[in-house]
């Protein structure tokens, strides 16, 4: 990975650390998997989030919206375990 991608990855991890307590409060969690070349962030939802019927809504309206607000270059967030 080059420095630009390393920097972006670190920024994504920082944002995920900010949203993680909200997921953990409901018994879930989120794990960073990778970022694709087209700036799609792949994550894994774990715990209650992995099986929750609302996990897609949480992912798009919570995690993705927060990431895109902080890092506009992010195209989307995808849960690889859905």
PDB file of N, CA and C in Angstrom:
ATOM      1  N   UNK A   1       0.829  -1.184   0.000  1.00  0.00           N
ATOM      2  CA  UNK A   1       0.000   0.000   0.000  1.00  0.00           C
ATOM      3  C   UNK A   1       0.873   1.247   0.000  1.00  0.00           C
ATOM      4  N   UNK A   2       0.430   2.270  -0.694  1.00  0.00           N
ATOM      5  CA  UNK A   2       1.211   3.491  -0.691  1.00  0.00           C
ATOM      6  C   UNK A   2       0.764   4.399   0.456  1.00  0.00           C
ATOM      7  N   UNK A   3       1.475   5.494   0.632  1.00  0.00           N
ATOM      8  CA  UNK A   3       1.202   6.384   1.760  1.00  0.00           C
ATOM      9  C   UNK A   3      -0.198   6.964   1.735  1.00  0.00           C
ATOM     10  N   UNK A   4      -0.712   7.270   0.549  1.00  0.00           N
ATOM     11  CA  UNK A   4      -2.060   7.839   0.444  1.00  0.00           C
ATOM     12  C   UNK A   4      -3.087   6.829   0.938  1.00  0.00           C
ATOM     13  N   UNK A   5      -2.960   5.582   0.510  1.00  0.00           N
ATOM     14  CA  UNK A   5      -3.900   4.558   0.966  1.00  0.00           C
ATOM     15  C   UNK A   5      -3.724   4.248   2.449  1.00  0.00           C
ATOM     16  N   UNK A   6      -2.489   4.254   2.918  1.00  0.00           N
ATOM     17  CA  UNK A   6      -2.248   4.045   4.348  1.00  0.00           C
ATOM     18  C   UNK A   6      -2.925   5.133   5.165  1.00  0.00           C
ATOM     19  N   UNK A   7      -2.816   6.367   4.680  1.00  0.00           N
ATOM     20  CA  UNK A   7      -3.416   7.503   5.380  1.00  0.00           C
ATOM     21  C   UNK A   7      -4.938   7.396   5.370  1.00  0.00           C
ATOM     22  N   UNK A   8      -5.504   7.040   4.227  1.00  0.00           N
ATOM     23  CA  UNK A   8      -6.947   6.884   4.126  1.00  0.00           C
ATOM     24  C   UNK A   8      -7.422   5.746   5.028  1.00  0.00           C
ATOM     25  N   UNK A   9      -6.699   4.644   5.038  1.00  0.00           N
ATOM     26  CA  UNK A   9      -7.053   3.520   5.898  1.00  0.00           C
ATOM     27  C   UNK A   9      -7.068   3.957   7.360  1.00  0.00           C
ATOM     28  N   UNK A  10      -6.062   4.708   7.767  1.00  0.00           N
ATOM     29  CA  UNK A  10      -6.003   5.165   9.161  1.00  0.00           C
ATOM     30  C   UNK A  10      -7.183   6.082   9.481  1.00  0.00           C
ATOM     31  N   UNK A  11      -7.552   6.930   8.540  1.00  0.00           N
ATOM     32  CA  UNK A  11      -8.699   7.823   8.748  1.00  0.00           C
ATOM     33  C   UNK A  11      -9.990   7.021   8.873  1.00  0.00           C
ATOM     34  N   UNK A  12     -10.140   6.005   8.035  1.00  0.00           N
ATOM     35  CA  UNK A  12     -11.327   5.143   8.102  1.00  0.00           C
ATOM     36  C   UNK A  12     -11.369   4.434   9.460  1.00  0.00           C
ATOM     37  N   UNK A  13     -10.235   3.902   9.892  1.00  0.00           N
ATOM     38  CA  UNK A  13     -10.179   3.223  11.191  1.00  0.00           C
ATOM     39  C   UNK A  13     -10.550   4.174  12.324  1.00  0.00           C
ATOM     40  N   UNK A  14     -10.113   5.426  12.235  1.00  0.00           N
ATOM     41  CA  UNK A  14     -10.449   6.413  13.260  1.00  0.00           C
ATOM     42  C   UNK A  14     -11.953   6.669  13.315  1.00  0.00           C
ATOM     43  N   UNK A  15     -12.594   6.763  12.146  1.00  0.00           N
ATOM     44  CA  UNK A  15     -14.050   6.985  12.107  1.00  0.00           C
ATOM     45  C   UNK A  15     -14.774   5.757  12.650  1.00  0.00           C
ATOM     46  N   UNK A  16     -14.325   4.564  12.264  1.00  0.00           N
ATOM     47  CA  UNK A  16     -14.961   3.343  12.776  1.00  0.00           C
ATOM     48  C   UNK A  16     -14.835   3.271  14.298  1.00  0.00           C
ATOM     49  N   UNK A  17     -13.713   3.733  14.828  1.00  0.00           N
ATOM     50  CA  UNK A  17     -13.549   3.757  16.280  1.00  0.00           C
ATOM     51  C   UNK A  17     -14.559   4.698  16.938  1.00  0.00           C
ATOM     52  N   UNK A  18     -14.963   5.741  16.217  1.00  0.00           N
ATOM     53  CA  UNK A  18     -15.946   6.688  16.755  1.00  0.00           C
ATOM     54  C   UNK A  18     -17.359   6.114  16.750  1.00  0.00           C
ATOM     55  N   UNK A  19     -17.697   5.291  15.747  1.00  0.00           N
ATOM     56  CA  UNK A  19     -19.055   4.726  15.682  1.00  0.00           C
ATOM     57  C   UNK A  19     -19.174   3.405  16.442  1.00  0.00           C
ATOM     58  N   UNK A  20     -18.059   2.774  16.698  1.00  0.00           N
ATOM     59  CA  UNK A  20     -18.049   1.460  17.364  1.00  0.00           C
ATOM     60  C   UNK A  20     -18.820   1.443  18.694  1.00  0.00           C
ATOM     61  N   UNK A  21     -18.668   2.445  19.583  1.00  0.00           N
ATOM     62  CA  UNK A  21     -19.410   2.396  20.856  1.00  0.00           C
ATOM     63  C   UNK A  21     -20.928   2.315  20.678  1.00  0.00           C
ATOM     64  N   UNK A  22     -21.455   2.928  19.632  1.00  0.00           N
ATOM     65  CA  UNK A  22     -22.899   2.873  19.381  1.00  0.00           C
ATOM     66  C   UNK A  22     -23.326   1.454  19.002  1.00  0.00           C
ATOM     67  N   UNK A  23     -22.504   0.788  18.223  1.00  0.00           N
ATOM     68  CA  UNK A  23     -22.795  -0.596  17.846  1.00  0.00           C
ATOM     69  C   UNK A  23     -22.637  -1.525  19.041  1.00  0.00           C
ATOM     70  N   UNK A  24     -21.599  -1.285  19.822  1.00  0.00           N
ATOM     71  CA  UNK A  24     -21.348  -2.129  20.986  1.00  0.00           C
ATOM     72  C   UNK A  24     -22.443  -1.975  22.039  1.00  0.00           C
ATOM     73  N   UNK A  25     -23.057  -0.798  22.107  1.00  0.00           N
ATOM     74  CA  UNK A  25     -24.144  -0.579  23.064  1.00  0.00           C
ATOM     75  C   UNK A  25     -25.330  -1.495  22.776  1.00  0.00           C
ATOM     76  N   UNK A  26     -25.457  -1.916  21.506  1.00  0.00           N
ATOM     77  CA  UNK A  26     -26.535  -2.828  21.113  1.00  0.00           C
ATOM     78  C   UNK A  26     -26.040  -4.265  20.969  1.00  0.00           C
ATOM     79  N   UNK A  27     -24.828  -4.555  21.461  1.00  0.00           N
ATOM     80  CA  UNK A  27     -24.314  -5.913  21.431  1.00  0.00           C
ATOM     81  C   UNK A  27     -23.610  -6.298  20.150  1.00  0.00           C
ATOM     82  N   UNK A  28     -23.290  -5.327  19.321  1.00  0.00           N
ATOM     83  CA  UNK A  28     -22.624  -5.624  18.055  1.00  0.00           C
ATOM     84  C   UNK A  28     -21.253  -4.985  17.975  1.00  0.00           C
ATOM     85  N   UNK A  29     -20.650  -5.104  16.813  1.00  0.00           N
ATOM     86  CA  UNK A  29     -19.348  -4.487  16.583  1.00  0.00           C
ATOM     87  C   UNK A  29     -19.104  -4.449  15.077  1.00  0.00           C
ATOM     88  N   UNK A  30     -18.026  -3.789  14.708  1.00  0.00           N
ATOM     89  CA  UNK A  30     -17.665  -3.676  13.295  1.00  0.00           C
ATOM     90  C   UNK A  30     -16.168  -3.882  13.165  1.00  0.00           C
ATOM     91  N   UNK A  31     -15.770  -4.624  12.122  1.00  0.00           N
ATOM     92  CA  UNK A  31     -14.356  -4.872  11.852  1.00  0.00           C
ATOM     93  C   UNK A  31     -14.035  -4.357  10.453  1.00  0.00           C
ATOM     94  N   UNK A  32     -12.947  -3.614  10.343  1.00  0.00           N
ATOM     95  CA  UNK A  32     -12.458  -3.151   9.049  1.00  0.00           C
ATOM     96  C   UNK A  32     -11.861  -4.334   8.298  1.00  0.00           C
ATOM     97  N   UNK A  33     -12.206  -4.467   7.006  1.00  0.00           N
ATOM     98  CA  UNK A  33     -11.634  -5.528   6.174  1.00  0.00           C
ATOM     99  C   UNK A  33     -10.615  -4.927   5.214  1.00  0.00           C
ATOM    100  N   UNK A  34     -11.071  -4.025   4.335  1.00  0.00           N
ATOM    101  CA  UNK A  34     -10.159  -3.358   3.405  1.00  0.00           C
ATOM    102  C   UNK A  34     -10.863  -2.219   2.682  1.00  0.00           C
ATOM    103  N   UNK A  35     -10.081  -1.522   1.870  1.00  0.00           N
ATOM    104  CA  UNK A  35     -10.612  -0.476   0.993  1.00  0.00           C
ATOM    105  C   UNK A  35     -10.219  -0.863  -0.418  1.00  0.00           C
ATOM    106  N   UNK A  36     -11.201  -0.864  -1.321  1.00  0.00           N
ATOM    107  CA  UNK A  36     -10.919  -1.206  -2.711  1.00  0.00           C
ATOM    108  C   UNK A  36     -10.347   0.004  -3.446  1.00  0.00           C
ATOM    109  N   UNK A  37      -9.877  -0.223  -4.666  1.00  0.00           N
ATOM    110  CA  UNK A  37      -9.309   0.867  -5.463  1.00  0.00           C
ATOM    111  C   UNK A  37     -10.333   1.960  -5.754  1.00  0.00           C
ATOM    112  N   UNK A  38     -11.613   1.582  -5.837  1.00  0.00           N
ATOM    113  CA  UNK A  38     -12.645   2.596  -6.117  1.00  0.00           C
ATOM    114  C   UNK A  38     -13.198   3.232  -4.846  1.00  0.00           C
ATOM    115  N   UNK A  39     -12.470   3.055  -3.734  1.00  0.00           N
ATOM    116  CA  UNK A  39     -12.789   3.683  -2.442  1.00  0.00           C
ATOM    117  C   UNK A  39     -14.060   3.132  -1.798  1.00  0.00           C
ATOM    118  N   UNK A  40     -14.301   1.845  -1.994  1.00  0.00           N
ATOM    119  CA  UNK A  40     -15.360   1.156  -1.266  1.00  0.00           C
ATOM    120  C   UNK A  40     -14.731   0.533  -0.026  1.00  0.00           C
ATOM    121  N   UNK A  41     -15.333   0.801   1.124  1.00  0.00           N
ATOM    122  CA  UNK A  41     -14.829   0.258   2.379  1.00  0.00           C
ATOM    123  C   UNK A  41     -15.589  -1.028   2.687  1.00  0.00           C
ATOM    124  N   UNK A  42     -14.866  -2.122   2.825  1.00  0.00           N
ATOM    125  CA  UNK A  42     -15.458  -3.404   3.198  1.00  0.00           C
ATOM    126  C   UNK A  42     -15.285  -3.608   4.689  1.00  0.00           C
ATOM    127  N   UNK A  43     -16.392  -3.941   5.349  1.00  0.00           N
ATOM    128  CA  UNK A  43     -16.373  -4.178   6.790  1.00  0.00           C
ATOM    129  C   UNK A  43     -17.097  -5.476   7.096  1.00  0.00           C
ATOM    130  N   UNK A  44     -16.898  -5.964   8.296  1.00  0.00           N
ATOM    131  CA  UNK A  44     -17.632  -7.134   8.777  1.00  0.00           C
ATOM    132  C   UNK A  44     -18.391  -6.713  10.023  1.00  0.00           C
ATOM    133  N   UNK A  45     -19.695  -6.943  10.012  1.00  0.00           N
ATOM    134  CA  UNK A  45     -20.515  -6.678  11.186  1.00  0.00           C
ATOM    135  C   UNK A  45     -20.525  -7.933  12.034  1.00  0.00           C
ATOM    136  N   UNK A  46     -20.260  -7.785  13.320  1.00  0.00           N
ATOM    137  CA  UNK A  46     -20.169  -8.941  14.207  1.00  0.00           C
ATOM    138  C   UNK A  46     -21.127  -8.795  15.386  1.00  0.00           C
ATOM    139  N   UNK A  47     -21.221  -9.852  16.162  1.00  0.00           N
ATOM    140  CA  UNK A  47     -22.110  -9.841  17.316  1.00  0.00           C
ATOM    141  C   UNK A  47     -23.553  -9.686  16.877  1.00  0.00           C
ATOM    142  N   UNK A  48     -24.309  -8.913  17.619  1.00  0.00           N
ATOM    143  CA  UNK A  48     -25.722  -8.705  17.308  1.00  0.00           C
ATOM    144  C   UNK A  48     -25.900  -8.050  15.942  1.00  0.00           C
ATOM    145  N   UNK A  49     -24.937  -7.233  15.524  1.00  0.00           N
ATOM    146  CA  UNK A  49     -25.044  -6.554  14.232  1.00  0.00           C
ATOM    147  C   UNK A  49     -24.977  -7.534  13.060  1.00  0.00           C
ATOM    148  N   UNK A  50     -24.301  -8.651  13.251  1.00  0.00           N
ATOM    149  CA  UNK A  50     -24.165  -9.626  12.184  1.00  0.00           C
ATOM    150  C   UNK A  50     -25.462 -10.321  11.840  1.00  0.00           C
ATOM    151  N   UNK A  51     -26.387 -10.390  12.790  1.00  0.00           N
ATOM    152  CA  UNK A  51     -27.644 -11.095  12.548  1.00  0.00           C
ATOM    153  C   UNK A  51     -28.874 -10.205  12.665  1.00  0.00           C
ATOM    154  N   UNK A  52     -28.678  -8.921  12.910  1.00  0.00           N
ATOM    155  CA  UNK A  52     -29.797  -8.010  13.109  1.00  0.00           C
ATOM    156  C   UNK A  52     -30.476  -7.674  11.781  1.00  0.00           C
ATOM    157  N   UNK A  53     -31.795  -7.659  11.783  1.00  0.00           N
ATOM    158  CA  UNK A  53     -32.560  -7.321  10.578  1.00  0.00           C
ATOM    159  C   UNK A  53     -32.307  -5.879  10.136  1.00  0.00           C
ATOM    160  N   UNK A  54     -31.897  -5.038  11.053  1.00  0.00           N
ATOM    161  CA  UNK A  54     -31.665  -3.630  10.736  1.00  0.00           C
ATOM    162  C   UNK A  54     -30.206  -3.324  10.425  1.00  0.00           C
ATOM    163  N   UNK A  55     -29.375  -4.348  10.305  1.00  0.00           N
ATOM    164  CA  UNK A  55     -27.943  -4.109  10.109  1.00  0.00           C
ATOM    165  C   UNK A  55     -27.647  -3.345   8.825  1.00  0.00           C
ATOM    166  N   UNK A  56     -28.416  -3.578   7.760  1.00  0.00           N
ATOM    167  CA  UNK A  56     -28.195  -2.844   6.513  1.00  0.00           C
ATOM    168  C   UNK A  56     -28.514  -1.368   6.706  1.00  0.00           C
ATOM    169  N   UNK A  57     -29.590  -1.079   7.432  1.00  0.00           N
ATOM    170  CA  UNK A  57     -29.957   0.309   7.713  1.00  0.00           C
ATOM    171  C   UNK A  57     -28.878   0.967   8.570  1.00  0.00           C
ATOM    172  N   UNK A  58     -28.423   0.267   9.585  1.00  0.00           N
ATOM    173  CA  UNK A  58     -27.353   0.783  10.443  1.00  0.00           C
ATOM    174  C   UNK A  58     -26.108   1.056   9.621  1.00  0.00           C
ATOM    175  N   UNK A  59     -25.770   0.115   8.747  1.00  0.00           N
ATOM    176  CA  UNK A  59     -24.570   0.253   7.938  1.00  0.00           C
ATOM    177  C   UNK A  59     -24.657   1.468   7.026  1.00  0.00           C
ATOM    178  N   UNK A  60     -25.768   1.613   6.307  1.00  0.00           N
ATOM    179  CA  UNK A  60     -25.898   2.696   5.330  1.00  0.00           C
ATOM    180  C   UNK A  60     -26.162   4.049   5.987  1.00  0.00           C
ATOM    181  N   UNK A  61     -27.118   4.097   6.915  1.00  0.00           N
ATOM    182  CA  UNK A  61     -27.510   5.377   7.509  1.00  0.00           C
ATOM    183  C   UNK A  61     -26.585   5.817   8.629  1.00  0.00           C
ATOM    184  N   UNK A  62     -25.894   4.875   9.247  1.00  0.00           N
ATOM    185  CA  UNK A  62     -25.003   5.218  10.347  1.00  0.00           C
ATOM    186  C   UNK A  62     -23.555   5.235   9.928  1.00  0.00           C
ATOM    187  N   UNK A  63     -23.024   4.069   9.657  1.00  0.00           N
ATOM    188  CA  UNK A  63     -21.588   3.935   9.376  1.00  0.00           C
ATOM    189  C   UNK A  63     -21.213   4.624   8.065  1.00  0.00           C
ATOM    190  N   UNK A  64     -21.925   4.303   6.977  1.00  0.00           N
ATOM    191  CA  UNK A  64     -21.580   4.884   5.675  1.00  0.00           C
ATOM    192  C   UNK A  64     -21.765   6.398   5.683  1.00  0.00           C
ATOM    193  N   UNK A  65     -22.879   6.875   6.236  1.00  0.00           N
ATOM    194  CA  UNK A  65     -23.137   8.311   6.260  1.00  0.00           C
ATOM    195  C   UNK A  65     -22.055   9.051   7.043  1.00  0.00           C
ATOM    196  N   UNK A  66     -21.631   8.477   8.157  1.00  0.00           N
ATOM    197  CA  UNK A  66     -20.589   9.102   8.971  1.00  0.00           C
ATOM    198  C   UNK A  66     -19.257   9.116   8.231  1.00  0.00           C
ATOM    199  N   UNK A  67     -18.903   7.988   7.636  1.00  0.00           N
ATOM    200  CA  UNK A  67     -17.641   7.922   6.894  1.00  0.00           C
ATOM    201  C   UNK A  67     -17.620   8.908   5.731  1.00  0.00           C
ATOM    202  N   UNK A  68     -18.719   8.987   4.986  1.00  0.00           N
ATOM    203  CA  UNK A  68     -18.761   9.880   3.823  1.00  0.00           C
ATOM    204  C   UNK A  68     -18.768  11.345   4.238  1.00  0.00           C
ATOM    205  N   UNK A  69     -19.334  11.640   5.400  1.00  0.00           N
ATOM    206  CA  UNK A  69     -19.333  13.019   5.880  1.00  0.00           C
ATOM    207  C   UNK A  69     -17.909  13.446   6.236  1.00  0.00           C
ATOM    208  N   UNK A  70     -17.160  12.551   6.874  1.00  0.00           N
ATOM    209  CA  UNK A  70     -15.790  12.864   7.281  1.00  0.00           C
ATOM    210  C   UNK A  70     -14.817  12.709   6.114  1.00  0.00           C
ATOM    211  N   UNK A  71     -15.046  11.688   5.288  1.00  0.00           N
ATOM    212  CA  UNK A  71     -14.148  11.366   4.167  1.00  0.00           C
ATOM    213  C   UNK A  71     -14.964  11.292   2.878  1.00  0.00           C
ATOM    214  N   UNK A  72     -15.213  12.432   2.242  1.00  0.00           N
ATOM    215  CA  UNK A  72     -16.081  12.464   1.051  1.00  0.00           C
ATOM    216  C   UNK A  72     -15.608  11.592  -0.110  1.00  0.00           C
ATOM    217  N   UNK A  73     -14.323  11.216  -0.110  1.00  0.00           N
ATOM    218  CA  UNK A  73     -13.807  10.378  -1.202  1.00  0.00           C
ATOM    219  C   UNK A  73     -14.293   8.937  -1.101  1.00  0.00           C
ATOM    220  N   UNK A  74     -14.843   8.533   0.032  1.00  0.00           N
ATOM    221  CA  UNK A  74     -15.359   7.179   0.188  1.00  0.00           C
ATOM    222  C   UNK A  74     -16.632   7.025  -0.654  1.00  0.00           C
ATOM    223  N   UNK A  75     -16.644   5.983  -1.493  1.00  0.00           N
ATOM    224  CA  UNK A  75     -17.782   5.744  -2.382  1.00  0.00           C
ATOM    225  C   UNK A  75     -18.942   5.104  -1.640  1.00  0.00           C
ATOM    226  N   UNK A  76     -18.643   4.025  -0.908  1.00  0.00           N
ATOM    227  CA  UNK A  76     -19.677   3.344  -0.143  1.00  0.00           C
ATOM    228  C   UNK A  76     -19.033   2.420   0.878  1.00  0.00           C
ATOM    229  N   UNK A  77     -19.878   1.922   1.783  1.00  0.00           N
ATOM    230  CA  UNK A  77     -19.444   0.946   2.780  1.00  0.00           C
ATOM    231  C   UNK A  77     -20.267  -0.315   2.562  1.00  0.00           C
ATOM    232  N   UNK A  78     -19.585  -1.439   2.483  1.00  0.00           N
ATOM    233  CA  UNK A  78     -20.236  -2.719   2.208  1.00  0.00           C
ATOM    234  C   UNK A  78     -19.877  -3.712   3.308  1.00  0.00           C
ATOM    235  N   UNK A  79     -20.890  -4.392   3.830  1.00  0.00           N
ATOM    236  CA  UNK A  79     -20.631  -5.461   4.800  1.00  0.00           C
ATOM    237  C   UNK A  79     -20.401  -6.741   4.018  1.00  0.00           C
ATOM    238  N   UNK A  80     -19.238  -7.325   4.197  1.00  0.00           N
ATOM    239  CA  UNK A  80     -18.883  -8.526   3.429  1.00  0.00           C
ATOM    240  C   UNK A  80     -19.545  -9.780   3.991  1.00  0.00           C
ATOM    241  N   UNK A  81     -20.161  -9.676   5.152  1.00  0.00           N
ATOM    242  CA  UNK A  81     -20.798 -10.861   5.747  1.00  0.00           C
ATOM    243  C   UNK A  81     -22.301 -10.830   5.651  1.00  0.00           C
ATOM    244  N   UNK A  82     -22.880  -9.888   4.887  1.00  0.00           N
ATOM    245  CA  UNK A  82     -24.340  -9.842   4.735  1.00  0.00           C
ATOM    246  C   UNK A  82     -24.784 -10.778   3.639  1.00  0.00           C
TER     247      UNK A  82
END
